[in-house]
Protein backbone atom coordinates (compact mmCIF):
# COMPACT_ATOMS: atom_id res chain seq x y z
CA MET A 1 9.26 -16.06 -11.38
CA SER A 2 8.32 -12.40 -11.05
CA THR A 3 11.04 -9.92 -10.41
CA SER A 4 11.30 -8.42 -6.94
CA PRO A 5 9.91 -4.92 -6.36
CA SER A 6 12.59 -2.38 -7.16
CA GLY A 7 14.42 -0.58 -4.40
CA LEU A 8 13.22 -2.79 -1.56
CA SER A 9 16.51 -4.57 -0.96
CA HIS A 10 18.62 -1.43 -0.59
CA HIS A 11 16.93 1.17 1.59
CA HIS A 12 14.36 -0.57 3.77
CA PRO A 13 14.63 0.15 7.52
CA THR A 14 16.19 -2.37 9.84
CA VAL A 15 14.22 -4.32 12.43
CA ALA A 16 15.74 -2.18 15.16
CA GLN A 17 14.54 0.95 13.37
CA LEU A 18 11.08 -0.55 13.02
CA GLN A 19 10.90 -1.30 16.72
CA THR A 20 12.12 2.14 17.88
CA PRO A 21 9.19 4.02 19.45
CA THR A 22 8.64 7.63 18.45
CA HIS A 23 9.27 10.37 21.05
CA HIS A 24 6.37 12.46 22.34
CA HIS A 25 6.51 16.22 21.73
CA GLN A 26 6.50 18.54 24.75
CA SER A 27 3.90 21.28 24.99
CA SER A 28 4.90 24.94 25.14
CA ALA A 29 4.16 24.97 28.87
CA GLY A 30 6.77 22.27 29.41
CA GLY A 31 4.30 19.49 30.20
CA SER A 32 3.96 16.36 28.10
CA THR A 33 0.92 16.10 25.86
CA ALA A 34 0.80 12.32 26.43
CA ALA A 35 -1.72 12.73 29.23
CA ILE A 36 -4.32 14.25 26.93
CA LEU A 37 -3.69 12.14 23.83
CA THR A 38 -5.67 8.93 23.94
CA ASP A 39 -3.39 7.09 21.53
CA GLU A 40 -0.34 7.83 23.70
CA ILE A 41 -1.66 6.57 27.03
CA GLU A 42 0.74 4.03 28.49
CA GLU A 43 -0.40 0.51 27.67
CA PRO A 44 -0.84 -2.03 30.50
CA PRO A 45 1.20 -5.25 30.37
CA ARG A 46 -0.26 -7.73 27.87
CA THR A 47 -1.75 -10.58 29.87
CA ASN A 48 -3.22 -13.74 28.39
CA HIS A 49 -6.70 -12.27 28.75
CA LEU A 50 -5.75 -9.09 26.90
CA LEU A 51 -4.14 -11.24 24.22
CA GLN A 52 -7.44 -13.06 23.72
CA TRP A 53 -9.24 -9.74 23.22
CA SER A 54 -6.74 -8.87 20.49
CA GLN A 55 -7.21 -12.27 18.88
CA TRP A 56 -10.97 -11.87 18.76
CA GLN A 57 -10.69 -8.35 17.39
CA LEU A 58 -8.31 -9.40 14.62
CA ILE A 59 -10.80 -11.97 13.27
CA ASP A 60 -13.89 -9.83 13.94
CA SER A 61 -15.85 -9.11 10.78
CA ILE A 62 -16.21 -5.48 11.87
CA LEU A 63 -12.46 -4.91 11.35
CA PRO A 64 -12.34 -2.96 8.05
CA THR A 65 -9.81 -5.05 6.13
CA GLY A 66 -11.90 -5.47 2.97
CA GLY A 67 -12.36 -9.23 3.14
CA PHE A 68 -16.07 -9.01 2.35
CA ALA A 69 -15.32 -7.38 -1.02
CA HIS A 70 -13.94 -10.70 -2.28
CA SER A 71 -15.65 -14.00 -3.09
CA PHE A 72 -12.45 -16.06 -3.57
CA GLY A 73 -13.61 -17.08 -7.04
CA LEU A 74 -17.11 -18.12 -5.94
CA GLU A 75 -18.87 -15.54 -8.10
CA ALA A 76 -16.93 -16.67 -11.18
CA ALA A 77 -17.64 -20.31 -10.30
CA MET A 78 -21.37 -19.57 -10.18
CA GLN A 79 -21.34 -17.89 -13.58
CA ALA A 80 -19.32 -20.80 -14.97
CA GLN A 81 -22.01 -23.09 -13.49
CA THR A 82 -19.42 -24.96 -11.45
CA VAL A 83 -21.32 -24.09 -8.26
CA MET A 84 -25.10 -24.36 -8.58
CA GLY A 85 -26.43 -25.03 -5.08
CA PRO A 86 -25.66 -25.73 -1.41
CA GLU A 87 -23.94 -29.07 -2.04
CA ASP A 88 -21.71 -27.55 -4.71
CA LEU A 89 -21.00 -24.69 -2.32
CA LYS A 90 -19.88 -27.07 0.41
CA THR A 91 -17.50 -28.81 -1.99
CA PHE A 92 -16.18 -25.45 -3.22
CA VAL A 93 -15.51 -24.16 0.29
CA ILE A 94 -13.68 -27.34 1.33
CA HIS A 95 -11.47 -27.19 -1.77
CA LEU A 96 -10.85 -23.49 -1.14
CA LEU A 97 -9.78 -24.15 2.46
CA GLU A 98 -7.51 -26.97 1.31
CA ASN A 99 -5.93 -24.65 -1.22
CA THR A 100 -5.56 -21.94 1.42
CA GLY A 101 -3.88 -24.37 3.79
CA SER A 102 -1.45 -25.77 1.24
CA LEU A 103 -0.50 -22.47 -0.40
CA LEU A 104 -0.86 -19.70 2.19
CA LEU A 105 -0.46 -21.22 5.66
CA PRO A 106 3.32 -21.64 5.16
CA PHE A 107 3.58 -17.87 4.66
CA VAL A 108 1.46 -17.16 7.74
CA TYR A 109 3.53 -19.62 9.78
CA GLU A 110 6.97 -18.31 8.85
CA ALA A 111 5.96 -14.65 9.22
CA ASN A 112 4.50 -15.46 12.64
CA LYS A 113 7.57 -17.43 13.70
CA SER A 114 10.01 -14.63 12.74
CA PRO A 115 8.03 -11.36 12.84
CA ASN A 116 10.70 -9.04 11.46
CA LEU A 117 11.13 -6.95 8.34
CA ASP A 118 13.77 -9.12 6.67
CA THR A 119 11.69 -12.29 6.94
CA TRP A 120 8.55 -10.50 5.84
CA THR A 121 10.32 -9.01 2.80
CA LYS A 122 11.52 -12.43 1.68
CA LEU A 123 8.11 -14.03 2.18
CA ASN A 124 6.31 -11.19 0.41
CA ARG A 125 8.55 -11.46 -2.65
CA THR A 126 8.15 -15.23 -2.74
CA LEU A 127 4.35 -15.03 -2.61
CA GLU A 128 4.35 -12.34 -5.30
CA ALA A 129 6.16 -14.79 -7.58
CA THR A 130 4.01 -17.76 -6.51
CA LEU A 131 0.51 -16.42 -7.14
CA THR A 132 -0.38 -17.25 -10.72
CA THR A 133 -3.33 -15.00 -11.59
CA GLU A 134 -3.66 -11.23 -11.62
CA VAL A 135 -7.01 -11.46 -9.82
CA SER A 136 -5.60 -13.39 -6.86
CA LYS A 137 -2.58 -11.07 -6.66
CA LYS A 138 -4.73 -7.94 -6.57
CA ALA A 139 -7.05 -9.45 -3.96
CA SER A 140 -4.10 -10.46 -1.77
CA VAL A 141 -2.43 -7.05 -2.01
CA SER A 142 -5.68 -5.18 -1.41
CA GLN A 143 -6.44 -7.10 1.78
CA GLY A 144 -2.83 -7.04 2.97
CA SER A 145 -2.51 -3.28 2.57
CA ALA A 146 -5.83 -2.72 4.35
CA LEU A 147 -4.81 -5.02 7.20
CA LEU A 148 -1.54 -3.17 7.73
CA ARG A 149 -3.30 0.21 7.82
CA VAL A 150 -5.88 -1.06 10.29
CA ALA A 151 -3.43 -2.94 12.52
CA ALA A 152 -1.10 0.07 12.74
CA SER A 153 -4.01 2.22 13.95
CA VAL A 154 -5.73 -0.31 16.20
CA PHE A 155 -2.64 -1.69 17.97
CA PRO A 156 -0.48 1.35 18.93
CA GLU A 157 1.37 -0.79 21.49
CA VAL A 158 3.24 -2.29 18.51
CA PRO A 159 5.05 0.79 17.09
CA SER A 160 6.79 -1.25 14.39
CA LEU A 161 3.46 -1.68 12.57
CA LYS A 162 3.01 2.09 12.33
CA THR A 163 6.62 2.59 11.26
CA MET A 164 6.28 -0.07 8.60
CA ARG A 165 3.07 1.50 7.34
CA ASP A 166 4.53 5.02 7.23
CA LYS A 167 7.84 4.06 5.61
CA LEU A 168 6.75 1.42 3.10
CA LEU A 169 3.01 1.53 2.44
CA GLY A 170 3.08 4.88 0.69
CA SER A 171 6.26 4.21 -1.26
CA GLY A 172 4.53 2.28 -4.02
CA THR A 173 7.50 -0.08 -4.35
CA VAL A 174 6.17 -2.90 -2.18
CA SER A 175 3.14 -5.16 -2.60
CA PHE A 176 1.70 -6.05 0.80
CA HIS A 177 0.33 -9.56 0.37
CA HIS A 178 -2.25 -10.62 2.93
CA ALA A 179 -0.81 -13.88 4.30
CA PRO A 180 2.65 -12.51 5.23
CA VAL A 181 1.15 -9.32 6.70
CA PHE A 182 -1.32 -11.37 8.75
CA GLY A 183 1.42 -13.66 10.05
CA LEU A 184 3.66 -10.69 10.87
CA THR A 185 0.86 -8.90 12.72
CA CYS A 186 0.00 -12.02 14.72
CA GLY A 187 3.65 -12.56 15.60
CA LEU A 188 4.14 -8.97 16.78
CA LEU A 189 0.98 -9.21 18.89
CA GLY A 190 2.28 -12.40 20.52
CA PHE A 191 -0.07 -14.97 18.98
CA ASP A 192 1.21 -18.54 18.81
CA SER A 193 1.55 -20.16 15.38
CA GLY A 194 -1.38 -22.54 15.83
CA THR A 195 -3.80 -19.74 16.70
CA SER A 196 -2.54 -17.60 13.82
CA GLN A 197 -2.96 -20.35 11.22
CA ARG A 198 -6.41 -21.38 12.46
CA ALA A 199 -7.49 -17.75 12.43
CA TYR A 200 -6.40 -17.37 8.82
CA VAL A 201 -8.36 -20.41 7.68
CA PHE A 202 -11.37 -19.28 9.75
CA MET A 203 -11.39 -15.85 8.09
CA THR A 204 -11.27 -17.45 4.65
CA MET A 205 -14.24 -19.67 5.51
CA ARG A 206 -16.13 -16.75 7.07
CA ASP A 207 -15.64 -14.47 4.06
CA VAL A 208 -16.52 -17.01 1.36
CA LEU A 209 -19.71 -18.02 3.18
CA SER A 210 -20.62 -14.36 3.56
CA ALA A 211 -20.17 -14.00 -0.19
CA ALA A 212 -22.40 -17.05 -0.71
CA THR A 213 -25.26 -15.42 1.20
CA ARG A 214 -25.01 -12.24 -0.86
CA LEU A 215 -24.99 -14.32 -4.04
CA ASN A 216 -28.19 -16.07 -2.82
CA LEU A 217 -26.58 -19.49 -2.85
CA VAL A 218 -27.59 -20.04 0.76
CA GLY A 219 -29.43 -18.12 3.46
CA PRO A 220 -27.81 -16.69 6.60
CA LEU A 221 -28.96 -19.59 8.81
CA GLY A 222 -27.91 -22.12 6.20
CA ALA A 223 -24.49 -20.47 5.95
CA ALA A 224 -24.07 -20.61 9.72
CA ALA A 225 -25.01 -24.29 9.79
CA LEU A 226 -22.66 -25.02 6.89
CA GLN A 227 -19.82 -23.21 8.66
CA HIS A 228 -20.32 -25.45 11.69
CA GLN A 229 -20.32 -28.58 9.52
CA ILE A 230 -17.16 -27.58 7.67
CA ALA A 231 -15.34 -26.65 10.90
CA TYR A 232 -14.40 -30.29 11.44
CA VAL A 233 -12.91 -30.50 7.95
CA ALA A 234 -11.20 -27.14 8.42
CA GLU A 235 -9.47 -28.40 11.58
CA GLU A 236 -8.19 -31.44 9.69
CA ILE A 237 -6.88 -29.16 6.94
CA VAL A 238 -5.09 -26.93 9.44
CA ARG A 239 -3.46 -29.90 11.15
CA LYS A 240 -2.41 -31.28 7.78
CA TRP A 241 -0.75 -28.10 6.48
CA MET A 242 0.29 -26.15 9.59
CA ASP A 243 3.92 -25.39 10.51
CA ARG A 244 5.29 -26.04 7.02
CA PRO A 245 8.08 -23.99 5.39
CA VAL A 246 7.32 -21.91 2.31
CA GLU A 247 9.35 -24.33 0.22
CA GLU A 248 6.42 -26.75 0.59
CA ALA A 249 3.74 -24.24 -0.45
CA CYS A 250 1.69 -25.60 -3.35
CA GLN A 251 -1.67 -25.55 -5.13
CA THR A 252 -3.98 -28.48 -4.41
CA SER A 253 -6.97 -27.21 -6.44
CA PRO A 254 -5.65 -25.53 -9.58
CA LEU A 255 -9.14 -25.43 -11.09
CA LEU A 256 -10.21 -22.93 -8.42
CA ASP A 257 -7.28 -20.70 -9.34
CA THR A 258 -8.21 -20.93 -13.02
CA ILE A 259 -11.85 -20.04 -12.33
CA GLN A 260 -10.87 -17.10 -10.13
CA GLY A 261 -8.67 -15.82 -12.95
CA CYS A 262 -11.80 -15.49 -15.09
CA HIS A 263 -13.41 -13.06 -12.66
CA GLY A 264 -12.11 -10.01 -14.47
CA TYR A 265 -13.88 -11.10 -17.65
CA LEU A 266 -17.35 -11.31 -16.09
CA PHE A 267 -19.82 -8.91 -17.71
CA SER A 268 -21.63 -8.30 -14.43
CA ARG A 269 -20.04 -8.84 -11.02
CA LEU A 270 -20.68 -7.99 -7.39
CA PHE A 271 -17.24 -8.72 -5.90
CA CYS A 272 -13.67 -7.64 -6.63
CA SER A 273 -12.45 -11.22 -6.93
């Protein structure tokens, strides 16, 4: 087991501190500047329809979280000649989604169920110790840190995200793994656990198929058709692994993890992982 990041257990802010909104400064004329600052305009109540807009935005490929910089081991699998064509790609993606469901959905679920700093800290440390390769750890931290930065800027109605970013992200003592950050963000935005877990699996499928098109394994139309075919399998995977505690997190395809660990040794590579 890896040791926990130093200093995290002693001086991190409480949940109440995270959820305390900052006060607006008054202008020299005595009037509030809130009226002229776009990011401080009072937010309307979050209805179900507004919640759906947030859900779509969080899984939109235009959100700059860095997911498209990673191939989830696909590039290494191609160079190892484990994946050679569309049929191999389909098998690879299904195994990847199964591995994502078994290993990472428990972290998304528990962070979504209890979206507070204490729970997130525990989950983040556990995932840090669970991931077995340096490549997968770096990919997880890179995407998690990017997601926190983006979410804190995009969703100002959740001040705890900004506070968490300002207090912890720049400290260098915490590794922000993607699955716990995603679950925490979904929980703070009010997403239910089923939506959050399906969204996480969907993003994994979306990103690996995008990588496949850039690696010329399949064309854009072929990738779209393959995504539709695999959606039925993905739903079965989500139902199989959803709502499980982190104590049940496990690897179902260790070969994929081994192949991804070889990514750093590739002479020529397009992706970060």
